[in-house]
Amino acid sequence: MIEKAVEAIKECDYLLITAGAGMGVDSGLPDFRGPEGFWRAYPAAERLGLRFEELANPTWFYDDPKLAWAFYGHRLHLYRQTEPHEGFSLLLRMARTKKDFFVVTSNVDGQFQKAGFKENHIWEVHGSIHYLQCREPCSDAIWSAEGVEVDIDEDRFEAREPLPRCKNCGQIARPNILMFGDWQWIERRSRQQEERFERFLSQAAGSLAIIEIGAGTAVPTIRHIGEHIASHYGASHIRINPRDYHGAPIALSMGAQDAISAIWERLGGH
């Protein structure tokens, strides 16, 4: 299957990289696979009896903002400190050999930008933890989280004051991330990214290859996007996933870094 993936990438003029949580595992990031995986990353959530989909909910920013910011503040710090694994840079080198490329990801960690991918080549379908908005929201304002530090009491798993606040109204701020049961998410930034992606697709039709990496079935957004585009644009579809690899014409049961490195080597990269 590696050779089929290599051939598909060689033949295309445009490359689409789609990525889920599994993309960051080789960088040391948790993928929150099932309650057990989430609780290994956040033992405090297990003590509270909360699964990921229960804690990743905007209601906590009203009911218990210190708990909400303990969770998201910890993730913000983690993603800032994490260095992208080598597979990211190999993907970027691979992509730069094409006429154009794009990244579509459900990850909110900003790892593609950190690895050197430009903002105008990325669609973050669920938003980004590196941007904030008002919890209400009082307006459609979105601003950078740069300089925002959240001090967390790890034993009690709660954020200490001062909590991040809206720049306009002073209410509690929250990450500009699409959460579960979320009607307050401001999608303006993500929508602008999607519009750039649509322009990319319009020129890529007929000579497009998709490399899907680490996209699971629990929240199948990325899998569905790849499958839809492969079907409607006649694109080659490569799925890289050590467990949920079934269902694509070219399926590699491998982790992200190993698969990308193997493809790059066979493409003649050095």
Protein backbone atom coordinates (compact mmCIF):
# COMPACT_ATOMS: atom_id res chain seq x y z
CA MET A 1 0.00 0.00 0.00
CA ILE A 2 2.93 2.36 0.58
CA GLU A 3 3.82 2.13 -3.10
CA LYS A 4 0.23 2.97 -4.08
CA ALA A 5 0.33 6.01 -1.81
CA VAL A 6 3.64 7.12 -3.31
CA GLU A 7 2.31 6.73 -6.84
CA ALA A 8 -0.83 8.74 -6.05
CA ILE A 9 1.26 11.57 -4.62
CA LYS A 10 3.68 11.52 -7.54
CA GLU A 11 0.86 11.78 -10.07
CA CYS A 12 -1.07 14.68 -8.49
CA ASP A 13 -0.51 18.40 -9.03
CA TYR A 14 -2.38 19.42 -5.87
CA LEU A 15 -2.15 17.96 -2.37
CA LEU A 16 -4.77 18.05 0.39
CA ILE A 17 -3.68 17.07 3.90
CA THR A 18 -6.52 16.25 6.28
CA ALA A 19 -5.68 15.57 9.91
CA GLY A 20 -7.37 14.49 13.12
CA ALA A 21 -6.12 14.03 16.68
CA GLY A 22 -3.92 11.07 15.71
CA MET A 23 -1.63 13.46 13.85
CA GLY A 24 -0.28 14.83 17.14
CA VAL A 25 0.26 11.56 19.00
CA ASP A 26 3.88 11.24 17.85
CA SER A 27 4.51 14.71 19.27
CA GLY A 28 3.33 13.41 22.65
CA LEU A 29 -0.16 14.91 22.51
CA PRO A 30 -3.13 12.87 23.82
CA ASP A 31 -5.78 11.86 21.31
CA PHE A 32 -8.52 11.47 23.97
CA ARG A 33 -9.45 8.09 22.48
CA GLY A 34 -12.36 6.88 24.61
CA PRO A 35 -12.97 7.79 28.27
CA GLU A 36 -9.88 5.85 29.40
CA GLY A 37 -7.59 7.77 27.05
CA PHE A 38 -9.05 11.08 28.15
CA TRP A 39 -8.80 10.20 31.83
CA ARG A 40 -5.16 9.15 31.45
CA ALA A 41 -4.46 12.67 30.19
CA TYR A 42 -6.77 14.32 32.77
CA PRO A 43 -7.09 12.22 35.96
CA ALA A 44 -9.03 15.08 37.57
CA ALA A 45 -11.79 14.58 35.00
CA GLU A 46 -12.05 10.93 36.03
CA ARG A 47 -12.38 12.01 39.69
CA LEU A 48 -15.23 14.28 38.61
CA GLY A 49 -16.76 11.52 36.48
CA LEU A 50 -16.60 13.68 33.33
CA ARG A 51 -15.91 12.35 29.84
CA PHE A 52 -14.29 14.54 27.19
CA GLU A 53 -17.58 15.39 25.48
CA GLU A 54 -19.03 16.45 28.85
CA LEU A 55 -16.11 18.67 29.88
CA ALA A 56 -15.59 20.14 26.41
CA ASN A 57 -18.90 21.95 26.69
CA PRO A 58 -19.47 25.73 26.78
CA THR A 59 -21.86 25.48 29.74
CA TRP A 60 -18.87 25.19 32.10
CA PHE A 61 -17.83 28.75 31.21
CA TYR A 62 -21.10 29.82 32.86
CA ASP A 63 -21.55 27.18 35.58
CA ASP A 64 -17.92 26.74 36.68
CA PRO A 65 -15.51 28.95 34.71
CA LYS A 66 -12.59 27.99 36.97
CA LEU A 67 -13.04 24.35 35.96
CA ALA A 68 -13.49 25.28 32.30
CA TRP A 69 -10.29 27.31 32.28
CA ALA A 70 -8.40 24.63 34.20
CA PHE A 71 -9.12 22.28 31.29
CA TYR A 72 -8.57 24.70 28.43
CA GLY A 73 -5.76 26.58 30.15
CA HIS A 74 -3.87 23.32 30.61
CA ARG A 75 -4.38 22.45 26.95
CA LEU A 76 -3.28 25.92 25.84
CA HIS A 77 -0.04 25.55 27.80
CA LEU A 78 0.48 21.99 26.54
CA TYR A 79 0.07 22.94 22.88
CA ARG A 80 2.35 25.94 23.28
CA GLN A 81 5.09 23.76 24.76
CA THR A 82 4.78 20.88 22.27
CA GLU A 83 7.10 20.70 19.28
CA PRO A 84 5.61 19.15 16.11
CA HIS A 85 7.15 15.79 15.19
CA GLU A 86 9.26 15.38 12.07
CA GLY A 87 6.30 14.21 10.00
CA PHE A 88 4.96 17.77 9.89
CA SER A 89 8.11 19.16 8.24
CA LEU A 90 8.26 16.23 5.79
CA LEU A 91 4.63 16.87 4.82
CA LEU A 92 5.42 20.53 4.23
CA ARG A 93 8.40 19.64 2.03
CA MET A 94 6.22 17.18 0.15
CA ALA A 95 3.46 19.75 -0.30
CA ARG A 96 5.84 22.39 -1.61
CA THR A 97 6.71 20.16 -4.58
CA LYS A 98 3.12 20.61 -5.84
CA LYS A 99 1.39 23.48 -7.62
CA ASP A 100 -0.57 24.17 -4.45
CA PHE A 101 -1.67 22.47 -1.24
CA PHE A 102 -4.03 22.86 1.68
CA VAL A 103 -4.48 21.51 5.21
CA VAL A 104 -7.89 20.73 6.71
CA THR A 105 -7.79 19.75 10.37
CA SER A 106 -10.13 19.23 13.29
CA ASN A 107 -7.23 19.84 15.66
CA VAL A 108 -7.29 23.07 17.63
CA ASP A 109 -3.64 22.91 18.70
CA GLY A 110 -1.97 25.10 16.06
CA GLN A 111 0.71 22.50 15.38
CA PHE A 112 0.61 22.93 11.60
CA GLN A 113 1.32 26.66 11.94
CA LYS A 114 4.11 25.92 14.41
CA ALA A 115 5.64 23.52 11.87
CA GLY A 116 5.77 26.24 9.20
CA PHE A 117 2.47 25.89 7.34
CA LYS A 118 1.08 29.32 6.47
CA GLU A 119 -2.28 30.48 7.80
CA ASN A 120 -3.71 30.91 4.30
CA HIS A 121 -3.18 27.19 3.61
CA ILE A 122 -5.09 25.92 6.66
CA TRP A 123 -8.75 25.37 7.52
CA GLU A 124 -9.28 24.64 11.23
CA VAL A 125 -12.80 23.29 11.09
CA HIS A 126 -13.28 23.37 14.88
CA GLY A 127 -11.43 26.62 15.49
CA SER A 128 -8.22 27.21 17.45
CA ILE A 129 -7.29 27.35 21.11
CA HIS A 130 -4.88 30.15 20.24
CA TYR A 131 -7.81 32.56 19.72
CA LEU A 132 -10.41 33.76 22.19
CA GLN A 133 -13.96 35.11 22.10
CA CYS A 134 -16.58 36.31 24.58
CA ARG A 135 -18.57 33.48 26.20
CA GLU A 136 -21.88 35.32 25.65
CA PRO A 137 -20.83 36.42 22.96
CA CYS A 138 -21.29 40.20 23.17
CA SER A 139 -19.98 40.65 19.59
CA ASP A 140 -18.37 38.65 16.81
CA ALA A 141 -14.88 39.71 17.96
CA ILE A 142 -12.10 37.10 17.94
CA TRP A 143 -8.65 37.93 19.29
CA SER A 144 -5.30 36.24 19.79
CA ALA A 145 -4.58 34.35 23.02
CA GLU A 146 -0.93 35.38 22.78
CA GLY A 147 0.20 36.65 26.18
CA VAL A 148 -2.73 35.02 27.99
CA GLU A 149 -1.50 32.83 30.84
CA VAL A 150 -3.79 30.69 32.99
CA ASP A 151 -2.56 29.77 36.47
CA ILE A 152 -3.99 26.39 37.49
CA ASP A 153 -4.32 24.73 40.89
CA GLU A 154 -3.55 21.18 39.73
CA ASP A 155 -4.70 19.53 42.98
CA ARG A 156 -8.14 21.13 42.88
CA PHE A 157 -8.12 21.29 39.06
CA GLU A 158 -9.34 24.84 38.90
CA ALA A 159 -7.93 28.01 37.38
CA ARG A 160 -6.94 30.82 39.69
CA GLU A 161 -8.07 34.40 39.21
CA PRO A 162 -7.72 36.43 37.13
CA LEU A 163 -9.47 34.40 34.43
CA PRO A 164 -9.30 35.52 30.78
CA ARG A 165 -11.89 38.21 30.11
CA CYS A 166 -13.62 39.61 27.05
CA LYS A 167 -11.84 42.69 25.75
CA ASN A 168 -15.15 44.42 25.03
CA CYS A 169 -17.55 43.69 27.88
CA GLY A 170 -15.38 42.18 30.63
CA GLN A 171 -17.31 38.92 30.82
CA ILE A 172 -15.47 35.59 30.95
CA ALA A 173 -13.69 34.79 27.69
CA ARG A 174 -13.44 31.33 26.17
CA PRO A 175 -11.40 29.71 23.42
CA ASN A 176 -12.67 30.21 19.88
CA ILE A 177 -13.29 26.47 19.60
CA LEU A 178 -16.40 24.58 18.53
CA MET A 179 -17.39 22.57 21.60
CA PHE A 180 -20.10 19.98 22.11
CA GLY A 181 -23.61 21.46 22.19
CA ASP A 182 -22.12 24.81 21.26
CA TRP A 183 -24.37 27.62 19.99
CA GLN A 184 -22.04 30.45 21.02
CA TRP A 185 -19.04 29.59 18.85
CA ILE A 186 -18.09 32.46 16.52
CA GLU A 187 -17.21 30.73 13.26
CA ARG A 188 -16.13 33.84 11.34
CA ARG A 189 -12.41 32.98 11.33
CA SER A 190 -13.00 29.34 10.39
CA ARG A 191 -15.48 30.41 7.69
CA GLN A 192 -12.85 32.66 6.10
CA GLN A 193 -10.45 29.72 6.08
CA GLU A 194 -13.12 27.54 4.48
CA GLU A 195 -13.65 30.10 1.72
CA ARG A 196 -9.93 29.97 0.88
CA PHE A 197 -10.16 26.18 0.86
CA GLU A 198 -13.08 26.26 -1.57
CA ARG A 199 -10.98 28.39 -3.95
CA PHE A 200 -8.17 25.85 -3.66
CA LEU A 201 -10.56 22.99 -4.50
CA SER A 202 -11.88 24.78 -7.57
CA GLN A 203 -8.41 24.77 -9.12
CA ALA A 204 -7.35 21.34 -7.82
CA ALA A 205 -10.19 19.28 -9.31
CA GLY A 206 -8.92 16.49 -11.52
CA SER A 207 -5.37 16.33 -10.17
CA LEU A 208 -5.78 16.05 -6.41
CA ALA A 209 -4.48 13.58 -3.83
CA ILE A 210 -5.70 13.47 -0.24
CA ILE A 211 -3.48 12.34 2.64
CA GLU A 212 -5.75 11.76 5.64
CA ILE A 213 -3.87 11.27 8.90
CA GLY A 214 -5.08 10.21 12.34
CA ALA A 215 -8.77 10.89 11.76
CA GLY A 216 -10.84 8.60 13.95
CA THR A 217 -14.46 7.51 13.91
CA ALA A 218 -15.61 8.96 17.27
CA VAL A 219 -15.84 12.48 15.81
CA PRO A 220 -15.68 11.65 12.08
CA THR A 221 -15.66 15.20 10.67
CA ILE A 222 -12.30 14.84 8.91
CA ARG A 223 -13.05 11.36 7.55
CA HIS A 224 -16.31 12.61 6.04
CA ILE A 225 -14.65 15.64 4.46
CA GLY A 226 -11.99 13.47 2.81
CA GLU A 227 -14.49 10.89 1.59
CA HIS A 228 -16.76 13.59 0.17
CA ILE A 229 -13.95 15.33 -1.69
CA ALA A 230 -12.51 12.06 -3.02
CA SER A 231 -15.93 11.15 -4.37
CA HIS A 232 -16.85 14.52 -5.90
CA TYR A 233 -13.46 15.63 -7.19
CA GLY A 234 -12.03 12.32 -8.39
CA ALA A 235 -9.19 12.55 -5.87
CA SER A 236 -6.90 9.75 -4.72
CA HIS A 237 -7.56 9.07 -1.04
CA ILE A 238 -4.81 7.84 1.29
CA ARG A 239 -5.86 7.03 4.86
CA ILE A 240 -3.17 6.75 7.55
CA ASN A 241 -4.41 5.36 10.86
CA PRO A 242 -3.01 2.56 13.06
CA ARG A 243 -6.51 1.38 14.03
CA ASP A 244 -9.32 3.01 12.04
CA TYR A 245 -7.69 2.62 8.64
CA HIS A 246 -10.49 0.80 6.84
CA GLY A 247 -12.75 2.37 4.23
CA ALA A 248 -10.31 4.19 1.94
CA PRO A 249 -8.87 2.94 -1.39
CA ILE A 250 -5.33 3.32 -0.06
CA ALA A 251 -5.18 2.43 3.64
CA LEU A 252 -2.02 2.38 5.76
CA SER A 253 -2.23 0.82 9.22
CA MET A 254 0.55 3.02 10.61
CA GLY A 255 1.15 5.97 12.88
CA ALA A 256 1.56 9.44 11.39
CA GLN A 257 5.31 9.90 11.62
CA ASP A 258 6.21 6.39 10.47
CA ALA A 259 3.87 6.55 7.48
CA ILE A 260 4.93 10.04 6.38
CA SER A 261 8.62 9.15 6.73
CA ALA A 262 8.15 5.96 4.70
CA ILE A 263 6.32 7.81 1.92
CA TRP A 264 8.88 10.62 1.86
CA GLU A 265 11.76 8.16 1.60
CA ARG A 266 10.15 6.35 -1.33
CA LEU A 267 9.47 9.66 -3.03
CA GLY A 268 13.22 10.15 -3.05
CA GLY A 269 13.25 12.72 -0.27
CA HIS A 270 16.39 13.34 1.72
